[in-house]
Amino acid sequence: MRIDKKQTICNIPVLKIRDFLKRCHRSSDFYANNFFKYIQVDETEGEKVVKELIKQGYIIQVNNLYKVTEKGQSLRVARCTSL
């Protein structure tokens, strides 16, 4: 997978999201609050980002945790390009 360094998801740079997903590579799951802190957004804005990541298939919700999907794992190791 290749990503454009200017790409965003809900106005959050995709590189920042990729870097967060890299941080949870061992367990592949995380709490929303940790994600919100990392991308530096409040809960309301963070929930929008999470919903979009679910919609695009990068994560799924399991109880009160979020798990990285296979597509999310691809984003985790994606290379950056300048388009």
PDB file of N, CA and C in Angstrom:
ATOM      1  N   MET A   1       0.849  -1.177   0.000  1.00  0.00           N
ATOM      2  CA  MET A   1       0.000   0.000   0.000  1.00  0.00           C
ATOM      3  C   MET A   1       0.893   1.236   0.000  1.00  0.00           C
ATOM      4  N   ARG A   2       0.507   2.213  -0.776  1.00  0.00           N
ATOM      5  CA  ARG A   2       1.191   3.507  -0.794  1.00  0.00           C
ATOM      6  C   ARG A   2       0.181   4.592  -0.427  1.00  0.00           C
ATOM      7  N   ILE A   3       0.661   5.561   0.309  1.00  0.00           N
ATOM      8  CA  ILE A   3      -0.190   6.675   0.707  1.00  0.00           C
ATOM      9  C   ILE A   3       0.481   7.982   0.319  1.00  0.00           C
ATOM     10  N   ASP A   4      -0.332   8.960   0.006  1.00  0.00           N
ATOM     11  CA  ASP A   4       0.153  10.301  -0.308  1.00  0.00           C
ATOM     12  C   ASP A   4       0.383  11.030   1.013  1.00  0.00           C
ATOM     13  N   LYS A   5       1.538  11.637   1.170  1.00  0.00           N
ATOM     14  CA  LYS A   5       1.850  12.312   2.439  1.00  0.00           C
ATOM     15  C   LYS A   5       0.911  13.477   2.730  1.00  0.00           C
ATOM     16  N   LYS A   6       0.167  13.946   1.732  1.00  0.00           N
ATOM     17  CA  LYS A   6      -0.793  15.035   1.937  1.00  0.00           C
ATOM     18  C   LYS A   6      -2.200  14.524   2.247  1.00  0.00           C
ATOM     19  N   GLN A   7      -2.386  13.222   2.188  1.00  0.00           N
ATOM     20  CA  GLN A   7      -3.692  12.613   2.412  1.00  0.00           C
ATOM     21  C   GLN A   7      -4.134  12.802   3.857  1.00  0.00           C
ATOM     22  N   THR A   8      -5.433  12.998   4.040  1.00  0.00           N
ATOM     23  CA  THR A   8      -5.994  13.126   5.385  1.00  0.00           C
ATOM     24  C   THR A   8      -7.225  12.241   5.521  1.00  0.00           C
ATOM     25  N   ILE A   9      -7.554  11.929   6.739  1.00  0.00           N
ATOM     26  CA  ILE A   9      -8.812  11.268   7.083  1.00  0.00           C
ATOM     27  C   ILE A   9      -9.453  12.145   8.138  1.00  0.00           C
ATOM     28  N   CYS A  10     -10.581  12.747   7.807  1.00  0.00           N
ATOM     29  CA  CYS A  10     -11.256  13.696   8.706  1.00  0.00           C
ATOM     30  C   CYS A  10     -10.309  14.812   9.147  1.00  0.00           C
ATOM     31  N   ASN A  11      -9.541  15.319   8.220  1.00  0.00           N
ATOM     32  CA  ASN A  11      -8.589  16.412   8.444  1.00  0.00           C
ATOM     33  C   ASN A  11      -7.409  16.050   9.341  1.00  0.00           C
ATOM     34  N   ILE A  12      -7.209  14.764   9.597  1.00  0.00           N
ATOM     35  CA  ILE A  12      -6.051  14.292  10.348  1.00  0.00           C
ATOM     36  C   ILE A  12      -5.080  13.693   9.332  1.00  0.00           C
ATOM     37  N   PRO A  13      -3.817  14.110   9.335  1.00  0.00           N
ATOM     38  CA  PRO A  13      -2.862  13.548   8.379  1.00  0.00           C
ATOM     39  C   PRO A  13      -2.796  12.017   8.492  1.00  0.00           C
ATOM     40  N   VAL A  14      -2.889  11.367   7.358  1.00  0.00           N
ATOM     41  CA  VAL A  14      -2.869   9.906   7.347  1.00  0.00           C
ATOM     42  C   VAL A  14      -1.556   9.376   7.925  1.00  0.00           C
ATOM     43  N   LEU A  15      -0.486  10.139   7.808  1.00  0.00           N
ATOM     44  CA  LEU A  15       0.785   9.714   8.383  1.00  0.00           C
ATOM     45  C   LEU A  15       0.709   9.637   9.908  1.00  0.00           C
ATOM     46  N   LYS A  16      -0.027  10.537  10.522  1.00  0.00           N
ATOM     47  CA  LYS A  16      -0.188  10.524  11.973  1.00  0.00           C
ATOM     48  C   LYS A  16      -1.005   9.296  12.394  1.00  0.00           C
ATOM     49  N   ILE A  17      -2.028   8.980  11.619  1.00  0.00           N
ATOM     50  CA  ILE A  17      -2.839   7.793  11.899  1.00  0.00           C
ATOM     51  C   ILE A  17      -1.988   6.536  11.706  1.00  0.00           C
ATOM     52  N   ARG A  18      -1.222   6.499  10.622  1.00  0.00           N
ATOM     53  CA  ARG A  18      -0.329   5.362  10.360  1.00  0.00           C
ATOM     54  C   ARG A  18       0.645   5.177  11.520  1.00  0.00           C
ATOM     55  N   ASP A  19       1.225   6.268  11.988  1.00  0.00           N
ATOM     56  CA  ASP A  19       2.193   6.181  13.071  1.00  0.00           C
ATOM     57  C   ASP A  19       1.555   5.661  14.364  1.00  0.00           C
ATOM     58  N   PHE A  20       0.317   6.065  14.624  1.00  0.00           N
ATOM     59  CA  PHE A  20      -0.371   5.526  15.804  1.00  0.00           C
ATOM     60  C   PHE A  20      -0.575   4.023  15.658  1.00  0.00           C
ATOM     61  N   LEU A  21      -1.018   3.585  14.494  1.00  0.00           N
ATOM     62  CA  LEU A  21      -1.250   2.158  14.283  1.00  0.00           C
ATOM     63  C   LEU A  21       0.040   1.362  14.415  1.00  0.00           C
ATOM     64  N   LYS A  22       1.149   1.956  14.034  1.00  0.00           N
ATOM     65  CA  LYS A  22       2.447   1.297  14.222  1.00  0.00           C
ATOM     66  C   LYS A  22       2.730   1.074  15.702  1.00  0.00           C
ATOM     67  N   ARG A  23       2.324   2.029  16.522  1.00  0.00           N
ATOM     68  CA  ARG A  23       2.578   1.948  17.966  1.00  0.00           C
ATOM     69  C   ARG A  23       1.835   0.784  18.616  1.00  0.00           C
ATOM     70  N   CYS A  24       0.728   0.372  18.053  1.00  0.00           N
ATOM     71  CA  CYS A  24      -0.033  -0.732  18.658  1.00  0.00           C
ATOM     72  C   CYS A  24       0.145  -2.009  17.837  1.00  0.00           C
ATOM     73  N   HIS A  25       1.354  -2.229  17.323  1.00  0.00           N
ATOM     74  CA  HIS A  25       1.607  -3.381  16.460  1.00  0.00           C
ATOM     75  C   HIS A  25       1.611  -4.714  17.193  1.00  0.00           C
ATOM     76  N   ARG A  26       1.928  -4.745  18.446  1.00  0.00           N
ATOM     77  CA  ARG A  26       1.981  -6.030  19.159  1.00  0.00           C
ATOM     78  C   ARG A  26       0.603  -6.576  19.481  1.00  0.00           C
ATOM     79  N   SER A  27      -0.270  -5.730  19.954  1.00  0.00           N
ATOM     80  CA  SER A  27      -1.583  -6.218  20.365  1.00  0.00           C
ATOM     81  C   SER A  27      -2.645  -6.000  19.292  1.00  0.00           C
ATOM     82  N   SER A  28      -2.432  -5.055  18.413  1.00  0.00           N
ATOM     83  CA  SER A  28      -3.391  -4.696  17.365  1.00  0.00           C
ATOM     84  C   SER A  28      -4.728  -4.202  17.911  1.00  0.00           C
ATOM     85  N   ASP A  29      -4.756  -3.818  19.182  1.00  0.00           N
ATOM     86  CA  ASP A  29      -5.976  -3.219  19.711  1.00  0.00           C
ATOM     87  C   ASP A  29      -5.615  -2.019  20.578  1.00  0.00           C
ATOM     88  N   PHE A  30      -6.587  -1.126  20.724  1.00  0.00           N
ATOM     89  CA  PHE A  30      -6.318   0.105  21.458  1.00  0.00           C
ATOM     90  C   PHE A  30      -7.621   0.696  21.980  1.00  0.00           C
ATOM     91  N   TYR A  31      -7.488   1.576  22.956  1.00  0.00           N
ATOM     92  CA  TYR A  31      -8.620   2.314  23.495  1.00  0.00           C
ATOM     93  C   TYR A  31      -8.730   3.650  22.763  1.00  0.00           C
ATOM     94  N   ALA A  32      -9.949   4.100  22.596  1.00  0.00           N
ATOM     95  CA  ALA A  32     -10.203   5.346  21.880  1.00  0.00           C
ATOM     96  C   ALA A  32      -9.465   6.520  22.513  1.00  0.00           C
ATOM     97  N   ASN A  33      -9.460   6.607  23.838  1.00  0.00           N
ATOM     98  CA  ASN A  33      -8.815   7.746  24.510  1.00  0.00           C
ATOM     99  C   ASN A  33      -7.339   7.850  24.161  1.00  0.00           C
ATOM    100  N   ASN A  34      -6.653   6.713  24.057  1.00  0.00           N
ATOM    101  CA  ASN A  34      -5.239   6.734  23.680  1.00  0.00           C
ATOM    102  C   ASN A  34      -5.065   7.281  22.267  1.00  0.00           C
ATOM    103  N   PHE A  35      -5.963   6.889  21.394  1.00  0.00           N
ATOM    104  CA  PHE A  35      -5.924   7.369  20.012  1.00  0.00           C
ATOM    105  C   PHE A  35      -6.174   8.876  19.962  1.00  0.00           C
ATOM    106  N   PHE A  36      -7.181   9.347  20.678  1.00  0.00           N
ATOM    107  CA  PHE A  36      -7.517  10.772  20.693  1.00  0.00           C
ATOM    108  C   PHE A  36      -6.335  11.606  21.186  1.00  0.00           C
ATOM    109  N   LYS A  37      -5.677  11.132  22.239  1.00  0.00           N
ATOM    110  CA  LYS A  37      -4.514  11.856  22.775  1.00  0.00           C
ATOM    111  C   LYS A  37      -3.392  11.908  21.742  1.00  0.00           C
ATOM    112  N   TYR A  38      -3.144  10.784  21.077  1.00  0.00           N
ATOM    113  CA  TYR A  38      -2.040  10.722  20.114  1.00  0.00           C
ATOM    114  C   TYR A  38      -2.266  11.664  18.939  1.00  0.00           C
ATOM    115  N   ILE A  39      -3.498  11.683  18.414  1.00  0.00           N
ATOM    116  CA  ILE A  39      -3.755  12.545  17.252  1.00  0.00           C
ATOM    117  C   ILE A  39      -4.152  13.957  17.668  1.00  0.00           C
ATOM    118  N   GLN A  40      -4.206  14.190  18.973  1.00  0.00           N
ATOM    119  CA  GLN A  40      -4.447  15.510  19.550  1.00  0.00           C
ATOM    120  C   GLN A  40      -5.788  16.119  19.149  1.00  0.00           C
ATOM    121  N   VAL A  41      -6.854  15.369  19.441  1.00  0.00           N
ATOM    122  CA  VAL A  41      -8.205  15.859  19.199  1.00  0.00           C
ATOM    123  C   VAL A  41      -9.060  15.604  20.436  1.00  0.00           C
ATOM    124  N   ASP A  42     -10.159  16.337  20.530  1.00  0.00           N
ATOM    125  CA  ASP A  42     -11.081  16.079  21.628  1.00  0.00           C
ATOM    126  C   ASP A  42     -11.935  14.853  21.293  1.00  0.00           C
ATOM    127  N   GLU A  43     -12.733  14.435  22.242  1.00  0.00           N
ATOM    128  CA  GLU A  43     -13.529  13.216  22.082  1.00  0.00           C
ATOM    129  C   GLU A  43     -14.506  13.305  20.914  1.00  0.00           C
ATOM    130  N   THR A  44     -15.153  14.436  20.750  1.00  0.00           N
ATOM    131  CA  THR A  44     -16.128  14.601  19.667  1.00  0.00           C
ATOM    132  C   THR A  44     -15.466  14.447  18.305  1.00  0.00           C
ATOM    133  N   GLU A  45     -14.363  15.133  18.114  1.00  0.00           N
ATOM    134  CA  GLU A  45     -13.645  15.043  16.834  1.00  0.00           C
ATOM    135  C   GLU A  45     -13.037  13.655  16.656  1.00  0.00           C
ATOM    136  N   GLY A  46     -12.514  13.108  17.724  1.00  0.00           N
ATOM    137  CA  GLY A  46     -11.914  11.780  17.665  1.00  0.00           C
ATOM    138  C   GLY A  46     -12.903  10.704  17.266  1.00  0.00           C
ATOM    139  N   GLU A  47     -14.129  10.811  17.770  1.00  0.00           N
ATOM    140  CA  GLU A  47     -15.162   9.835  17.413  1.00  0.00           C
ATOM    141  C   GLU A  47     -15.470   9.883  15.917  1.00  0.00           C
ATOM    142  N   LYS A  48     -15.416  11.064  15.325  1.00  0.00           N
ATOM    143  CA  LYS A  48     -15.623  11.184  13.880  1.00  0.00           C
ATOM    144  C   LYS A  48     -14.525  10.453  13.117  1.00  0.00           C
ATOM    145  N   VAL A  49     -13.296  10.612  13.588  1.00  0.00           N
ATOM    146  CA  VAL A  49     -12.159   9.949  12.937  1.00  0.00           C
ATOM    147  C   VAL A  49     -12.301   8.434  13.068  1.00  0.00           C
ATOM    148  N   VAL A  50     -12.643   7.966  14.252  1.00  0.00           N
ATOM    149  CA  VAL A  50     -12.803   6.530  14.486  1.00  0.00           C
ATOM    150  C   VAL A  50     -13.909   5.968  13.585  1.00  0.00           C
ATOM    151  N   LYS A  51     -15.022   6.659  13.499  1.00  0.00           N
ATOM    152  CA  LYS A  51     -16.118   6.198  12.631  1.00  0.00           C
ATOM    153  C   LYS A  51     -15.666   6.097  11.175  1.00  0.00           C
ATOM    154  N   GLU A  52     -14.878   7.053  10.741  1.00  0.00           N
ATOM    155  CA  GLU A  52     -14.385   7.026   9.363  1.00  0.00           C
ATOM    156  C   GLU A  52     -13.400   5.883   9.160  1.00  0.00           C
ATOM    157  N   LEU A  53     -12.545   5.629  10.147  1.00  0.00           N
ATOM    158  CA  LEU A  53     -11.607   4.509  10.043  1.00  0.00           C
ATOM    159  C   LEU A  53     -12.351   3.173   9.995  1.00  0.00           C
ATOM    160  N   ILE A  54     -13.435   3.074  10.745  1.00  0.00           N
ATOM    161  CA  ILE A  54     -14.269   1.872  10.691  1.00  0.00           C
ATOM    162  C   ILE A  54     -14.922   1.761   9.321  1.00  0.00           C
ATOM    163  N   LYS A  55     -15.482   2.865   8.845  1.00  0.00           N
ATOM    164  CA  LYS A  55     -16.150   2.888   7.543  1.00  0.00           C
ATOM    165  C   LYS A  55     -15.197   2.466   6.418  1.00  0.00           C
ATOM    166  N   GLN A  56     -13.950   2.923   6.497  1.00  0.00           N
ATOM    167  CA  GLN A  56     -12.978   2.592   5.461  1.00  0.00           C
ATOM    168  C   GLN A  56     -12.329   1.228   5.667  1.00  0.00           C
ATOM    169  N   GLY A  57     -12.656   0.567   6.782  1.00  0.00           N
ATOM    170  CA  GLY A  57     -12.185  -0.793   7.006  1.00  0.00           C
ATOM    171  C   GLY A  57     -10.820  -0.934   7.642  1.00  0.00           C
ATOM    172  N   TYR A  58     -10.292   0.140   8.243  1.00  0.00           N
ATOM    173  CA  TYR A  58      -8.977   0.072   8.882  1.00  0.00           C
ATOM    174  C   TYR A  58      -9.035  -0.510  10.292  1.00  0.00           C
ATOM    175  N   ILE A  59     -10.165  -0.326  10.971  1.00  0.00           N
ATOM    176  CA  ILE A  59     -10.336  -0.841  12.328  1.00  0.00           C
ATOM    177  C   ILE A  59     -11.759  -1.361  12.485  1.00  0.00           C
ATOM    178  N   ILE A  60     -11.955  -2.175  13.530  1.00  0.00           N
ATOM    179  CA  ILE A  60     -13.291  -2.608  13.926  1.00  0.00           C
ATOM    180  C   ILE A  60     -13.412  -2.385  15.426  1.00  0.00           C
ATOM    181  N   GLN A  61     -14.655  -2.287  15.898  1.00  0.00           N
ATOM    182  CA  GLN A  61     -14.876  -2.131  17.335  1.00  0.00           C
ATOM    183  C   GLN A  61     -15.274  -3.470  17.923  1.00  0.00           C
ATOM    184  N   VAL A  62     -14.613  -3.840  19.007  1.00  0.00           N
ATOM    185  CA  VAL A  62     -14.930  -5.053  19.752  1.00  0.00           C
ATOM    186  C   VAL A  62     -15.078  -4.635  21.207  1.00  0.00           C
ATOM    187  N   ASN A  63     -16.329  -4.611  21.659  1.00  0.00           N
ATOM    188  CA  ASN A  63     -16.646  -4.104  23.002  1.00  0.00           C
ATOM    189  C   ASN A  63     -16.142  -2.672  23.126  1.00  0.00           C
ATOM    190  N   ASN A  64     -15.296  -2.379  24.107  1.00  0.00           N
ATOM    191  CA  ASN A  64     -14.809  -1.000  24.258  1.00  0.00           C
ATOM    192  C   ASN A  64     -13.400  -0.810  23.696  1.00  0.00           C
ATOM    193  N   LEU A  65     -12.930  -1.781  22.911  1.00  0.00           N
ATOM    194  CA  LEU A  65     -11.629  -1.692  22.253  1.00  0.00           C
ATOM    195  C   LEU A  65     -11.800  -1.563  20.749  1.00  0.00           C
ATOM    196  N   TYR A  66     -10.767  -1.069  20.108  1.00  0.00           N
ATOM    197  CA  TYR A  66     -10.722  -1.043  18.650  1.00  0.00           C
ATOM    198  C   TYR A  66      -9.582  -1.942  18.217  1.00  0.00           C
ATOM    199  N   LYS A  67      -9.838  -2.731  17.184  1.00  0.00           N
ATOM    200  CA  LYS A  67      -8.830  -3.656  16.670  1.00  0.00           C
ATOM    201  C   LYS A  67      -8.451  -3.266  15.250  1.00  0.00           C
ATOM    202  N   VAL A  68      -7.189  -3.387  14.941  1.00  0.00           N
ATOM    203  CA  VAL A  68      -6.676  -3.083  13.613  1.00  0.00           C
ATOM    204  C   VAL A  68      -6.989  -4.269  12.695  1.00  0.00           C
ATOM    205  N   THR A  69      -7.592  -3.980  11.548  1.00  0.00           N
ATOM    206  CA  THR A  69      -7.928  -5.015  10.578  1.00  0.00           C
ATOM    207  C   THR A  69      -6.732  -5.294   9.669  1.00  0.00           C
ATOM    208  N   GLU A  70      -6.895  -6.234   8.740  1.00  0.00           N
ATOM    209  CA  GLU A  70      -5.831  -6.498   7.767  1.00  0.00           C
ATOM    210  C   GLU A  70      -5.538  -5.251   6.937  1.00  0.00           C
ATOM    211  N   LYS A  71      -6.596  -4.529   6.566  1.00  0.00           N
ATOM    212  CA  LYS A  71      -6.389  -3.289   5.819  1.00  0.00           C
ATOM    213  C   LYS A  71      -5.638  -2.273   6.675  1.00  0.00           C
ATOM    214  N   GLY A  72      -5.955  -2.210   7.955  1.00  0.00           N
ATOM    215  CA  GLY A  72      -5.242  -1.331   8.876  1.00  0.00           C
ATOM    216  C   GLY A  72      -3.783  -1.729   9.036  1.00  0.00           C
ATOM    217  N   GLN A  73      -3.527  -3.035   9.008  1.00  0.00           N
ATOM    218  CA  GLN A  73      -2.148  -3.507   9.077  1.00  0.00           C
ATOM    219  C   GLN A  73      -1.378  -3.083   7.831  1.00  0.00           C
ATOM    220  N   SER A  74      -2.061  -3.049   6.691  1.00  0.00           N
ATOM    221  CA  SER A  74      -1.418  -2.571   5.467  1.00  0.00           C
ATOM    222  C   SER A  74      -1.087  -1.086   5.581  1.00  0.00           C
ATOM    223  N   LEU A  75      -2.001  -0.316   6.174  1.00  0.00           N
ATOM    224  CA  LEU A  75      -1.739   1.106   6.388  1.00  0.00           C
ATOM    225  C   LEU A  75      -0.552   1.296   7.330  1.00  0.00           C
ATOM    226  N   ARG A  76      -0.461   0.444   8.309  1.00  0.00           N
ATOM    227  CA  ARG A  76       0.609   0.505   9.307  1.00  0.00           C
ATOM    228  C   ARG A  76       1.995   0.462   8.664  1.00  0.00           C
ATOM    229  N   VAL A  77       2.133  -0.279   7.574  1.00  0.00           N
ATOM    230  CA  VAL A  77       3.436  -0.427   6.912  1.00  0.00           C
ATOM    231  C   VAL A  77       3.492   0.283   5.568  1.00  0.00           C
ATOM    232  N   ALA A  78       2.484   1.108   5.298  1.00  0.00           N
ATOM    233  CA  ALA A  78       2.411   1.802   4.007  1.00  0.00           C
ATOM    234  C   ALA A  78       3.577   2.757   3.805  1.00  0.00           C
ATOM    235  N   ARG A  79       4.000   2.821   2.569  1.00  0.00           N
ATOM    236  CA  ARG A  79       5.066   3.768   2.194  1.00  0.00           C
ATOM    237  C   ARG A  79       4.423   5.060   1.713  1.00  0.00           C
ATOM    238  N   CYS A  80       5.137   6.109   1.943  1.00  0.00           N
ATOM    239  CA  CYS A  80       4.644   7.438   1.597  1.00  0.00           C
ATOM    240  C   CYS A  80       5.162   7.848   0.222  1.00  0.00           C
ATOM    241  N   THR A  81       4.271   8.449  -0.578  1.00  0.00           N
ATOM    242  CA  THR A  81       4.659   8.971  -1.882  1.00  0.00           C
ATOM    243  C   THR A  81       4.203  10.413  -1.999  1.00  0.00           C
ATOM    244  N   SER A  82       4.848  11.125  -2.857  1.00  0.00           N
ATOM    245  CA  SER A  82       4.438  12.500  -3.169  1.00  0.00           C
ATOM    246  C   SER A  82       3.791  12.477  -4.534  1.00  0.00           C
ATOM    247  N   LEU A  83       2.484  12.626  -4.542  1.00  0.00           N
ATOM    248  CA  LEU A  83       1.759  12.608  -5.813  1.00  0.00           C
ATOM    249  C   LEU A  83       1.493  13.995  -6.315  1.00  0.00           C
TER     250      LEU A  83
END
